[in-house]
Amino acid sequence: MSNIFGFIYNIFGYVLGFIYELFKNTPAPYVISLIVFTVLTRIILLPTAIPQQKNQAKQFRIQPKLQKIQQKFGNDRQKVSEEQQKLYQREGYNPMAAGCGPMLISLPLLWGVYGAITRPISYVLHFKDQVAKLLEDGTVKKFFEQISTSKRSSYYQELLVLNQLKDSSSKITQKVGAIFSPDQITQMNQFAQGFTLFGIDLTQTPSIKEFGVLWIIPALAGITSFLTSFYSTRMQKKYNPTMSKGSNAMSQGCMMAFMPLFSIYLCFTVPAGVGFYWVISNIFAFFQTVLLSNVYAPPKVAAKNMIHDVINRFAYEKNVKDRKTVVE
């Protein structure tokens, strides 16, 4: 499994590295590269979101029929369930959203993005062997054992190494000098400088105990996540009034609160570079949600499907009539 992850990380590492080379001479080159990289990967994932939006449009179309089933069979839950399943089959509606296909496509992409961002020395600069040797060193191991659990995670060690390079007295910096060549150290130092955005060092991890400029990242993550959740919930209630009633309203409210809180929590446990990716991803997700909800608005899709159904029915009836004429 690790070989599969490494293969995916390599692919995305080369992509991120290529983008970084294009913006190498700009202010905050890694930050700009990360924005471009995030938008690019989200565009690649965009087609996987379309089936889900179309599925919601189908739900809008069959909602009146579902209500009739409820009214007709009342409290007979088994009969209601049977009739609903028949309706779903006739309408081609999947209550489990868009199925496993989009997930199977998106997961490798998300793994690749995450690996390229959290392990840039190995997969963007391609100093993988040197990194492995560095992290095996007893002094370096002890350093990571002395810091918090979230920072000790192997996923964030390379970002922390980049952070330590700025301190010439750091034991990790001294170990780097013994393992990496002077040219490689120069490349890493230049790379580390690109992690600064408006004075925010994206190699550092925000601390919930110490208020500082790094709190901007969790705050932006919470705000951008809330915007997407709020807009999605509003659109669902607009086209499906039952979502604003009873248990549906409660679950919607919980989800709208959970995602922003989860985003804030996540950004307090990972380096700011990972949190920044989350913020950019949330912003793109918001605009993607707005775009798809307008292009594939349930009334539009329902009307289009209805026209297709009418055309197909007329074509079928004409074929039947033509066959009868030939027989006669």
Protein backbone atom coordinates (compact mmCIF):
# COMPACT_ATOMS: atom_id res chain seq x y z
CA MET A 1 0.00 0.00 0.00
CA SER A 2 2.85 2.40 0.82
CA ASN A 3 4.23 1.87 -2.70
CA ILE A 4 0.86 2.91 -4.16
CA PHE A 5 0.78 6.04 -2.01
CA GLY A 6 4.38 6.83 -2.94
CA PHE A 7 3.56 6.49 -6.65
CA ILE A 8 0.58 8.87 -6.33
CA TYR A 9 2.60 11.32 -4.21
CA ASN A 10 5.35 11.33 -6.84
CA ILE A 11 2.96 12.23 -9.64
CA PHE A 12 1.45 15.15 -7.75
CA GLY A 13 4.85 16.16 -6.40
CA TYR A 14 6.14 16.58 -9.96
CA VAL A 15 3.05 18.61 -10.87
CA LEU A 16 3.45 20.90 -7.83
CA GLY A 17 7.20 21.13 -8.50
CA PHE A 18 6.56 22.15 -12.12
CA ILE A 19 4.14 24.86 -11.03
CA TYR A 20 6.63 26.02 -8.39
CA GLU A 21 9.34 26.43 -11.04
CA LEU A 22 6.99 28.66 -13.07
CA PHE A 23 6.50 31.02 -10.10
CA LYS A 24 9.94 30.60 -8.54
CA ASN A 25 10.92 34.25 -8.99
CA THR A 26 7.70 35.73 -7.64
CA PRO A 27 7.02 36.84 -4.05
CA ALA A 28 5.82 33.88 -1.94
CA PRO A 29 6.33 31.42 -4.83
CA TYR A 30 5.19 28.35 -2.90
CA VAL A 31 2.01 30.08 -1.75
CA ILE A 32 1.15 31.08 -5.34
CA SER A 33 2.03 27.59 -6.56
CA LEU A 34 -0.20 26.05 -3.89
CA ILE A 35 -3.13 28.22 -4.97
CA VAL A 36 -2.68 27.25 -8.64
CA PHE A 37 -2.16 23.60 -7.66
CA THR A 38 -5.29 23.54 -5.50
CA VAL A 39 -7.47 25.13 -8.18
CA LEU A 40 -6.08 22.71 -10.78
CA THR A 41 -6.87 19.64 -8.66
CA ARG A 42 -10.34 20.95 -7.83
CA ILE A 43 -11.03 21.46 -11.54
CA ILE A 44 -9.98 17.86 -12.16
CA LEU A 45 -12.42 16.76 -9.43
CA LEU A 46 -15.24 18.95 -10.76
CA PRO A 47 -16.79 16.25 -13.00
CA THR A 48 -17.25 14.01 -9.94
CA ALA A 49 -19.54 16.64 -8.37
CA ILE A 50 -21.85 16.91 -11.38
CA PRO A 51 -23.59 13.50 -10.91
CA GLN A 52 -24.36 14.43 -7.30
CA GLN A 53 -25.94 17.72 -8.40
CA LYS A 54 -27.99 15.93 -11.07
CA ASN A 55 -29.07 13.43 -8.44
CA GLN A 56 -30.41 16.28 -6.31
CA ALA A 57 -32.35 17.52 -9.33
CA LYS A 58 -33.94 14.09 -9.69
CA GLN A 59 -34.86 14.22 -6.02
CA PHE A 60 -36.66 17.51 -6.65
CA ARG A 61 -38.58 15.92 -9.53
CA ILE A 62 -39.77 12.84 -7.60
CA GLN A 63 -40.58 14.71 -4.36
CA PRO A 64 -44.32 15.12 -5.19
CA LYS A 65 -44.52 11.41 -6.04
CA LEU A 66 -42.86 10.49 -2.75
CA GLN A 67 -45.41 12.60 -0.90
CA LYS A 68 -48.26 10.79 -2.69
CA ILE A 69 -46.81 7.44 -1.63
CA GLN A 70 -46.67 8.65 1.98
CA GLN A 71 -50.27 9.83 1.83
CA LYS A 72 -51.53 6.66 0.12
CA PHE A 73 -49.91 4.06 2.37
CA GLY A 74 -49.76 6.09 5.58
CA ASN A 75 -48.11 4.23 8.45
CA ASP A 76 -47.40 1.03 6.51
CA ARG A 77 -43.63 1.54 6.48
CA GLN A 78 -42.87 -1.66 4.60
CA LYS A 79 -45.25 -0.77 1.75
CA VAL A 80 -43.95 2.80 1.66
CA SER A 81 -40.37 1.52 1.41
CA GLU A 82 -41.28 -0.92 -1.38
CA GLU A 83 -43.07 1.75 -3.41
CA GLN A 84 -40.22 4.20 -2.90
CA GLN A 85 -37.69 1.66 -4.20
CA LYS A 86 -39.84 1.06 -7.28
CA LEU A 87 -40.06 4.80 -7.85
CA TYR A 88 -36.29 5.20 -7.49
CA GLN A 89 -35.72 2.49 -10.11
CA ARG A 90 -38.17 4.04 -12.57
CA GLU A 91 -36.69 7.52 -12.17
CA GLY A 92 -33.04 6.44 -12.06
CA TYR A 93 -32.60 8.12 -8.67
CA ASN A 94 -29.94 6.97 -6.23
CA PRO A 95 -30.72 8.01 -2.63
CA MET A 96 -27.09 7.32 -1.74
CA ALA A 97 -26.02 10.36 -3.81
CA ALA A 98 -23.88 9.59 -6.86
CA GLY A 99 -22.62 6.16 -5.86
CA CYS A 100 -19.06 4.95 -5.39
CA GLY A 101 -17.71 5.97 -8.80
CA PRO A 102 -16.94 9.63 -8.02
CA MET A 103 -15.43 8.64 -4.67
CA LEU A 104 -13.12 6.08 -6.29
CA ILE A 105 -11.95 8.77 -8.72
CA SER A 106 -11.52 11.55 -6.16
CA LEU A 107 -9.75 9.62 -3.38
CA PRO A 108 -6.47 9.00 -5.27
CA LEU A 109 -6.42 12.66 -6.29
CA LEU A 110 -6.95 13.81 -2.72
CA TRP A 111 -4.26 11.44 -1.46
CA GLY A 112 -1.85 12.77 -4.07
CA VAL A 113 -2.58 16.40 -3.20
CA TYR A 114 -2.18 15.77 0.52
CA GLY A 115 1.08 13.87 0.10
CA ALA A 116 2.61 16.50 -2.17
CA ILE A 117 1.72 19.29 0.26
CA THR A 118 2.78 17.58 3.50
CA ARG A 119 5.99 15.98 2.15
CA PRO A 120 7.46 18.62 -0.17
CA ILE A 121 11.14 17.78 0.42
CA SER A 122 10.59 14.18 -0.68
CA TYR A 123 8.11 14.66 -3.51
CA VAL A 124 8.52 18.24 -4.77
CA LEU A 125 12.28 18.69 -4.34
CA HIS A 126 12.81 14.91 -4.68
CA PHE A 127 15.30 14.48 -1.84
CA LYS A 128 13.52 11.40 -0.58
CA ASP A 129 16.59 9.31 0.32
CA GLN A 130 18.17 12.15 2.27
CA VAL A 131 14.90 12.78 4.16
CA ALA A 132 14.65 9.12 5.13
CA LYS A 133 18.23 9.20 6.45
CA LEU A 134 17.57 12.43 8.35
CA LEU A 135 14.41 11.15 10.05
CA GLU A 136 16.20 7.97 11.12
CA ASP A 137 18.80 9.99 13.05
CA GLY A 138 18.48 9.60 16.81
CA THR A 139 18.74 13.34 17.52
CA VAL A 140 16.02 14.16 15.01
CA LYS A 141 13.77 11.38 16.36
CA LYS A 142 14.20 12.76 19.88
CA PHE A 143 13.25 16.23 18.67
CA PHE A 144 9.95 15.01 17.26
CA GLU A 145 9.27 12.99 20.40
CA GLN A 146 9.58 16.14 22.50
CA ILE A 147 6.92 18.10 20.65
CA SER A 148 3.17 17.67 20.62
CA THR A 149 1.44 14.59 19.21
CA SER A 150 -0.04 16.44 16.23
CA LYS A 151 3.35 17.81 15.19
CA ARG A 152 5.03 14.47 15.73
CA SER A 153 3.00 12.89 12.95
CA SER A 154 5.25 11.68 10.13
CA TYR A 155 2.99 13.53 7.68
CA TYR A 156 4.19 16.92 8.93
CA GLN A 157 7.82 16.26 9.80
CA GLU A 158 9.12 17.62 6.50
CA LEU A 159 7.28 20.92 6.96
CA LEU A 160 8.78 21.15 10.43
CA VAL A 161 12.24 20.44 9.01
CA LEU A 162 11.78 23.37 6.62
CA ASN A 163 10.77 25.49 9.59
CA GLN A 164 13.88 24.47 11.55
CA LEU A 165 16.21 25.39 8.67
CA LYS A 166 15.61 29.05 9.50
CA ASP A 167 17.36 28.52 12.84
CA SER A 168 21.07 27.95 12.28
CA SER A 169 21.51 26.75 15.88
CA SER A 170 18.86 24.04 15.55
CA LYS A 171 20.11 20.47 15.92
CA ILE A 172 18.04 19.50 12.89
CA THR A 173 19.75 22.22 10.83
CA GLN A 174 23.12 20.80 11.85
CA LYS A 175 22.04 17.28 10.87
CA VAL A 176 20.78 18.59 7.53
CA GLY A 177 24.24 20.01 6.86
CA ALA A 178 25.76 16.58 7.40
CA ILE A 179 23.29 14.68 5.17
CA PHE A 180 22.34 17.06 2.35
CA SER A 181 24.72 18.62 -0.17
CA PRO A 182 25.29 22.41 -0.12
CA ASP A 183 23.25 22.76 -3.32
CA GLN A 184 20.36 20.78 -1.83
CA ILE A 185 20.44 22.89 1.34
CA THR A 186 20.31 26.05 -0.79
CA GLN A 187 17.29 24.69 -2.66
CA MET A 188 15.52 23.81 0.61
CA ASN A 189 16.23 27.23 2.09
CA GLN A 190 14.86 28.97 -1.01
CA PHE A 191 11.87 26.65 -0.93
CA ALA A 192 11.25 27.39 2.77
CA GLN A 193 11.31 31.15 2.11
CA GLY A 194 8.40 30.71 -0.30
CA PHE A 195 6.19 29.52 2.57
CA THR A 196 5.77 33.04 3.97
CA LEU A 197 2.55 34.92 3.14
CA PHE A 198 2.01 38.44 4.56
CA GLY A 199 4.32 37.56 7.43
CA ILE A 200 2.59 34.21 8.09
CA ASP A 201 5.00 31.27 8.14
CA LEU A 202 3.04 28.36 6.67
CA THR A 203 5.53 25.83 8.03
CA GLN A 204 4.39 26.61 11.58
CA THR A 205 1.38 25.12 13.34
CA PRO A 206 -1.20 27.47 14.94
CA SER A 207 -1.49 27.05 18.70
CA ILE A 208 -4.90 27.28 20.30
CA LYS A 209 -3.20 28.32 23.54
CA GLU A 210 -1.25 31.22 22.03
CA PHE A 211 -3.14 33.86 20.07
CA GLY A 212 -1.20 35.07 17.08
CA VAL A 213 -1.19 35.84 13.37
CA LEU A 214 -1.42 32.11 12.56
CA TRP A 215 -5.01 32.15 13.89
CA ILE A 216 -5.95 33.75 10.56
CA ILE A 217 -5.72 30.33 8.87
CA PRO A 218 -8.20 28.48 11.16
CA ALA A 219 -10.51 31.53 11.10
CA LEU A 220 -10.55 31.61 7.29
CA ALA A 221 -11.06 27.84 7.18
CA GLY A 222 -14.12 28.11 9.45
CA ILE A 223 -15.61 31.04 7.52
CA THR A 224 -15.12 29.50 4.06
CA SER A 225 -16.48 26.14 5.22
CA PHE A 226 -19.55 27.83 6.73
CA LEU A 227 -20.26 29.71 3.49
CA THR A 228 -20.35 26.46 1.50
CA SER A 229 -22.47 24.64 4.10
CA PHE A 230 -24.88 27.57 4.45
CA TYR A 231 -25.35 27.98 0.71
CA SER A 232 -25.82 24.24 0.12
CA THR A 233 -28.38 24.01 2.94
CA ARG A 234 -30.24 27.05 1.63
CA MET A 235 -30.48 25.58 -1.89
CA GLN A 236 -31.66 22.21 -0.58
CA LYS A 237 -34.40 23.84 1.49
CA LYS A 238 -35.42 25.97 -1.47
CA TYR A 239 -35.99 23.02 -3.78
CA ASN A 240 -36.95 20.47 -1.14
CA PRO A 241 -39.13 22.06 1.60
CA THR A 242 -39.20 18.81 3.60
CA MET A 243 -35.52 19.38 4.46
CA SER A 244 -36.57 22.26 6.72
CA LYS A 245 -38.89 20.11 8.82
CA GLY A 246 -38.38 17.77 11.75
CA SER A 247 -35.30 15.54 11.88
CA ASN A 248 -34.15 16.72 8.45
CA ALA A 249 -33.86 20.31 9.69
CA MET A 250 -31.96 19.14 12.77
CA SER A 251 -29.48 17.07 10.76
CA GLN A 252 -28.97 19.94 8.31
CA GLY A 253 -28.30 22.33 11.19
CA CYS A 254 -25.84 19.93 12.81
CA MET A 255 -23.95 19.47 9.55
CA MET A 256 -23.83 23.21 8.92
CA ALA A 257 -22.27 23.69 12.35
CA PHE A 258 -20.04 20.60 12.28
CA MET A 259 -18.07 21.31 9.10
CA PRO A 260 -16.87 24.83 10.08
CA LEU A 261 -15.96 23.62 13.58
CA PHE A 262 -14.14 20.62 12.13
CA SER A 263 -12.24 22.91 9.72
CA ILE A 264 -11.16 25.15 12.59
CA TYR A 265 -10.07 22.16 14.69
CA LEU A 266 -8.17 20.64 11.77
CA CYS A 267 -6.22 23.84 11.14
CA PHE A 268 -5.11 23.98 14.77
CA THR A 269 -3.59 20.48 14.49
CA VAL A 270 -1.65 20.75 11.22
CA PRO A 271 0.98 23.14 9.82
CA ALA A 272 -0.48 26.31 8.35
CA GLY A 273 0.52 25.18 4.83
CA VAL A 274 -1.99 22.32 5.06
CA GLY A 275 -4.58 24.68 6.55
CA PHE A 276 -3.98 27.15 3.71
CA TYR A 277 -4.68 24.40 1.19
CA TRP A 278 -7.92 23.67 3.07
CA VAL A 279 -8.93 27.35 2.87
CA ILE A 280 -8.26 27.58 -0.88
CA SER A 281 -10.09 24.30 -1.41
CA ASN A 282 -13.10 25.62 0.57
CA ILE A 283 -13.21 28.82 -1.48
CA PHE A 284 -13.18 26.86 -4.72
CA ALA A 285 -15.82 24.48 -3.32
CA PHE A 286 -18.08 27.45 -2.57
CA PHE A 287 -17.89 28.84 -6.11
CA GLN A 288 -18.26 25.32 -7.50
CA THR A 289 -21.44 24.84 -5.44
CA VAL A 290 -22.85 28.17 -6.67
CA LEU A 291 -22.01 27.33 -10.29
CA LEU A 292 -23.46 23.81 -10.26
CA SER A 293 -26.57 24.82 -8.34
CA ASN A 294 -27.33 27.35 -11.10
CA VAL A 295 -26.29 25.34 -14.15
CA TYR A 296 -27.98 22.18 -12.85
CA ALA A 297 -30.80 23.84 -10.92
CA PRO A 298 -33.43 21.18 -10.09
CA PRO A 299 -36.28 22.96 -11.96
CA LYS A 300 -34.12 23.28 -15.08
CA VAL A 301 -32.99 19.65 -15.00
CA ALA A 302 -36.51 18.43 -14.21
CA ALA A 303 -37.96 20.42 -17.14
CA LYS A 304 -35.24 19.14 -19.47
CA ASN A 305 -35.85 15.53 -18.41
CA MET A 306 -39.58 15.99 -18.83
CA ILE A 307 -39.08 17.21 -22.42
CA HIS A 308 -36.87 14.22 -23.14
CA ASP A 309 -39.49 11.88 -21.67
CA VAL A 310 -42.21 13.40 -23.87
CA ILE A 311 -40.03 13.13 -26.98
CA ASN A 312 -39.15 9.52 -26.18
CA ARG A 313 -42.81 8.65 -25.55
CA PHE A 314 -43.89 10.17 -28.88
CA ALA A 315 -41.07 8.34 -30.65
CA TYR A 316 -42.11 5.07 -29.02
CA GLU A 317 -45.78 5.55 -29.93
CA LYS A 318 -44.83 6.46 -33.51
CA ASN A 319 -42.70 3.31 -33.82
CA VAL A 320 -45.57 1.17 -32.52
CA LYS A 321 -47.99 2.85 -34.96
CA ASP A 322 -45.58 2.38 -37.90
CA ARG A 323 -45.16 -1.32 -37.11
CA LYS A 324 -48.94 -1.80 -37.03
CA THR A 325 -49.22 -0.04 -40.40
CA VAL A 326 -46.61 -2.33 -41.95
CA VAL A 327 -48.35 -5.45 -40.58
CA GLU A 328 -51.70 -4.34 -41.99
